[in-house]
C-alpha atoms as a PDB file:
ATOM      1  CA  MET A   1    -116.512  84.881 -24.375  1.00  0.00           C
ATOM      2  CA  TYR A   2    -118.694  81.752 -24.852  1.00  0.00           C
ATOM      3  CA  ASP A   3    -116.044  80.006 -26.977  1.00  0.00           C
ATOM      4  CA  SER A   4    -113.019  81.140 -24.977  1.00  0.00           C
ATOM      5  CA  ASN A   5    -111.709  78.455 -22.580  1.00  0.00           C
ATOM      6  CA  ASP A   6    -109.350  81.000 -21.034  1.00  0.00           C
ATOM      7  CA  TYR A   7    -112.309  83.271 -20.210  1.00  0.00           C
ATOM      8  CA  ILE A   8    -114.400  80.405 -18.852  1.00  0.00           C
ATOM      9  CA  GLN A   9    -111.557  79.030 -16.696  1.00  0.00           C
ATOM     10  CA  ALA A  10    -110.779  82.390 -15.138  1.00  0.00           C
ATOM     11  CA  SER A  11    -111.254  82.423 -11.364  1.00  0.00           C
ATOM     12  CA  GLY A  12    -113.639  85.418 -11.446  1.00  0.00           C
ATOM     13  CA  ASP A  13    -117.149  85.457 -12.864  1.00  0.00           C
ATOM     14  CA  SER A  14    -118.687  87.967 -15.230  1.00  0.00           C
ATOM     15  CA  TYR A  15    -122.330  87.468 -16.187  1.00  0.00           C
ATOM     16  CA  TYR A  16    -125.675  89.180 -16.780  1.00  0.00           C
ATOM     17  CA  TYR A  17    -129.223  87.846 -16.493  1.00  0.00           C
ATOM     18  CA  GLN A  18    -132.198  89.899 -17.625  1.00  0.00           C
ATOM     19  CA  ASP A  19    -134.251  87.540 -15.500  1.00  0.00           C
ATOM     20  CA  ARG A  20    -133.370  84.598 -13.226  1.00  0.00           C
ATOM     21  CA  VAL A  21    -135.907  82.745 -11.106  1.00  0.00           C
ATOM     22  CA  GLY A  22    -135.206  79.786  -8.879  1.00  0.00           C
ATOM     23  CA  SER A  23    -132.476  78.425  -6.592  1.00  0.00           C
ATOM     24  CA  THR A  24    -128.692  78.162  -7.030  1.00  0.00           C
ATOM     25  CA  LEU A  25    -128.846  74.867  -8.930  1.00  0.00           C
ATOM     26  CA  SER A  26    -132.353  74.930 -10.453  1.00  0.00           C
ATOM     27  CA  PHE A  27    -133.491  78.050 -12.224  1.00  0.00           C
ATOM     28  CA  SER A  28    -134.990  79.551 -15.338  1.00  0.00           C
ATOM     29  CA  PHE A  29    -133.320  82.437 -17.106  1.00  0.00           C
ATOM     30  CA  ARG A  30    -133.625  85.014 -19.842  1.00  0.00           C
ATOM     31  CA  SER A  31    -130.860  86.828 -21.689  1.00  0.00           C
ATOM     32  CA  PHE A  32    -128.029  85.067 -19.785  1.00  0.00           C
ATOM     33  CA  THR A  33    -124.552  86.081 -21.038  1.00  0.00           C
ATOM     34  CA  GLY A  34    -121.175  85.289 -19.418  1.00  0.00           C
ATOM     35  CA  SER A  35    -120.033  82.660 -16.956  1.00  0.00           C
ATOM     36  CA  GLU A  36    -121.181  82.024 -13.370  1.00  0.00           C
ATOM     37  CA  THR A  37    -119.663  79.583 -10.853  1.00  0.00           C
ATOM     38  CA  LEU A  38    -122.455  77.606  -9.201  1.00  0.00           C
ATOM     39  CA  LEU A  39    -120.354  75.320  -6.991  1.00  0.00           C
ATOM     40  CA  SER A  40    -116.720  75.094  -5.889  1.00  0.00           C
ATOM     41  CA  TYR A  41    -115.079  71.978  -4.495  1.00  0.00           C
ATOM     42  CA  PRO A  42    -111.924  72.916  -2.560  1.00  0.00           C
ATOM     43  CA  VAL A  43    -110.971  69.381  -1.435  1.00  0.00           C
ATOM     44  CA  ALA A  44    -110.626  65.989  -3.088  1.00  0.00           C
ATOM     45  CA  GLN A  45    -113.873  64.008  -3.243  1.00  0.00           C
ATOM     46  CA  ASP A  46    -116.116  62.142  -5.639  1.00  0.00           C
ATOM     47  CA  CYS A  47    -119.523  63.459  -6.592  1.00  0.00           C
ATOM     48  CA  ARG A  48    -122.399  62.464  -8.800  1.00  0.00           C
ATOM     49  CA  VAL A  49    -123.786  65.276 -10.911  1.00  0.00           C
ATOM     50  CA  GLU A  50    -127.104  65.045 -12.804  1.00  0.00           C
ATOM     51  CA  VAL A  51    -127.489  67.745 -15.427  1.00  0.00           C
ATOM     52  CA  ASP A  52    -130.749  68.674 -17.177  1.00  0.00           C
ATOM     53  CA  TYR A  53    -131.446  71.821 -19.157  1.00  0.00           C
ATOM     54  CA  GLU A  54    -133.543  73.293 -21.945  1.00  0.00           C
ATOM     55  CA  VAL A  55    -132.338  76.062 -24.185  1.00  0.00           C
ATOM     56  CA  LEU A  56    -135.059  78.065 -25.972  1.00  0.00           C
ATOM     57  CA  GLN A  57    -132.768  80.733 -27.434  1.00  0.00           C
ATOM     58  CA  GLY A  58    -129.034  81.458 -27.683  1.00  0.00           C
ATOM     59  CA  ARG A  59    -126.250  79.164 -26.483  1.00  0.00           C
ATOM     60  CA  PHE A  60    -125.844  77.586 -23.068  1.00  0.00           C
ATOM     61  CA  LYS A  61    -123.540  74.987 -21.451  1.00  0.00           C
ATOM     62  CA  VAL A  62    -122.560  73.514 -18.111  1.00  0.00           C
ATOM     63  CA  VAL A  63    -118.829  73.092 -17.608  1.00  0.00           C
ATOM     64  CA  TRP A  64    -116.588  71.290 -15.105  1.00  0.00           C
ATOM     65  CA  ILE A  65    -113.214  73.017 -14.449  1.00  0.00           C
ATOM     66  CA  GLN A  66    -110.398  71.210 -12.731  1.00  0.00           C
ATOM     67  CA  GLY A  67    -106.925  72.741 -12.955  1.00  0.00           C
ATOM     68  CA  ASP A  68    -106.188  73.450 -16.636  1.00  0.00           C
ATOM     69  CA  GLU A  69    -108.877  71.040 -17.803  1.00  0.00           C
ATOM     70  CA  LEU A  70    -112.358  72.101 -18.894  1.00  0.00           C
ATOM     71  CA  ALA A  71    -115.098  69.628 -19.791  1.00  0.00           C
ATOM     72  CA  GLU A  72    -118.607  70.382 -21.015  1.00  0.00           C
ATOM     73  CA  LEU A  73    -121.217  68.320 -19.189  1.00  0.00           C
ATOM     74  CA  THR A  74    -123.902  67.021 -21.416  1.00  0.00           C
ATOM     75  CA  MET A  75    -127.371  66.200 -20.151  1.00  0.00           C
ATOM     76  CA  GLY A  76    -127.466  63.155 -17.938  1.00  0.00           C
ATOM     77  CA  GLU A  77    -125.502  61.724 -15.017  1.00  0.00           C
ATOM     78  CA  HIS A  78    -121.806  62.221 -14.545  1.00  0.00           C
ATOM     79  CA  LEU A  79    -119.480  60.731 -11.892  1.00  0.00           C
ATOM     80  CA  LEU A  80    -116.787  63.374 -11.239  1.00  0.00           C
ATOM     81  CA  VAL A  81    -113.637  63.001  -9.239  1.00  0.00           C
ATOM     82  CA  VAL A  82    -112.341  66.193  -7.630  1.00  0.00           C
ATOM     83  CA  SER A  83    -108.553  66.313  -7.354  1.00  0.00           C
ATOM     84  CA  ARG A  84    -106.772  67.697  -4.315  1.00  0.00           C
ATOM     85  CA  ASN A  85    -106.485  71.068  -6.144  1.00  0.00           C
ATOM     86  CA  GLY A  86    -110.281  71.396  -6.232  1.00  0.00           C
ATOM     87  CA  ALA A  87    -112.776  71.944  -9.036  1.00  0.00           C
ATOM     88  CA  ARG A  88    -115.604  74.289 -10.092  1.00  0.00           C
ATOM     89  CA  LEU A  89    -118.999  73.801 -11.762  1.00  0.00           C
ATOM     90  CA  LYS A  90    -120.028  76.723 -13.995  1.00  0.00           C
ATOM     91  CA  VAL A  91    -122.785  77.688 -16.387  1.00  0.00           C
ATOM     92  CA  VAL A  92    -121.916  79.665 -19.503  1.00  0.00           C
ATOM     93  CA  GLY A  93    -124.319  81.577 -21.723  1.00  0.00           C
ATOM     94  CA  ASP A  94    -124.462  83.614 -24.878  1.00  0.00           C
ATOM     95  CA  HIS A  95    -127.796  85.476 -24.984  1.00  0.00           C
ATOM     96  CA  ALA A  96    -129.417  82.310 -23.657  1.00  0.00           C
ATOM     97  CA  GLN A  97    -132.946  81.703 -22.510  1.00  0.00           C
ATOM     98  CA  GLY A  98    -134.121  78.525 -20.908  1.00  0.00           C
ATOM     99  CA  SER A  99    -133.895  76.514 -17.667  1.00  0.00           C
ATOM    100  CA  VAL A 100    -131.338  74.331 -15.901  1.00  0.00           C
ATOM    101  CA  SER A 101    -131.562  71.806 -13.098  1.00  0.00           C
ATOM    102  CA  ILE A 102    -128.387  70.331 -11.502  1.00  0.00           C
ATOM    103  CA  GLU A 103    -128.431  67.730  -8.731  1.00  0.00           C
ATOM    104  CA  VAL A 104    -125.228  66.923  -6.818  1.00  0.00           C
ATOM    105  CA  ALA A 105    -124.748  63.980  -4.481  1.00  0.00           C
ATOM    106  CA  GLN A 106    -122.086  61.729  -3.097  1.00  0.00           C
ATOM    107  CA  PRO A 107    -121.787  58.465  -5.109  1.00  0.00           C
ATOM    108  CA  GLU A 108    -123.385  55.378  -3.566  1.00  0.00           C
END
């Protein structure tokens, strides 16, 4: 699942956490497997996304999905343009343990 773009881009989510503590965009986790949509953007807009995470075990990534395109967001700041068809921000894990913090704001 972790390496399948088709699975990750699917509109539905399928995931499991043994433990998840925190808010929607800032949390620690244990034994995270699958993909979870954290945010959906239904209309065209620009946004600034700051991604920070630590992976202690397994594999983990933050992805931006827009139409048929999927981009992995590395740690740091990203300026993202949402098309009129919308976009989604997801986390994807493979037996992952760690923490993630994502900040989203309108660009200045």
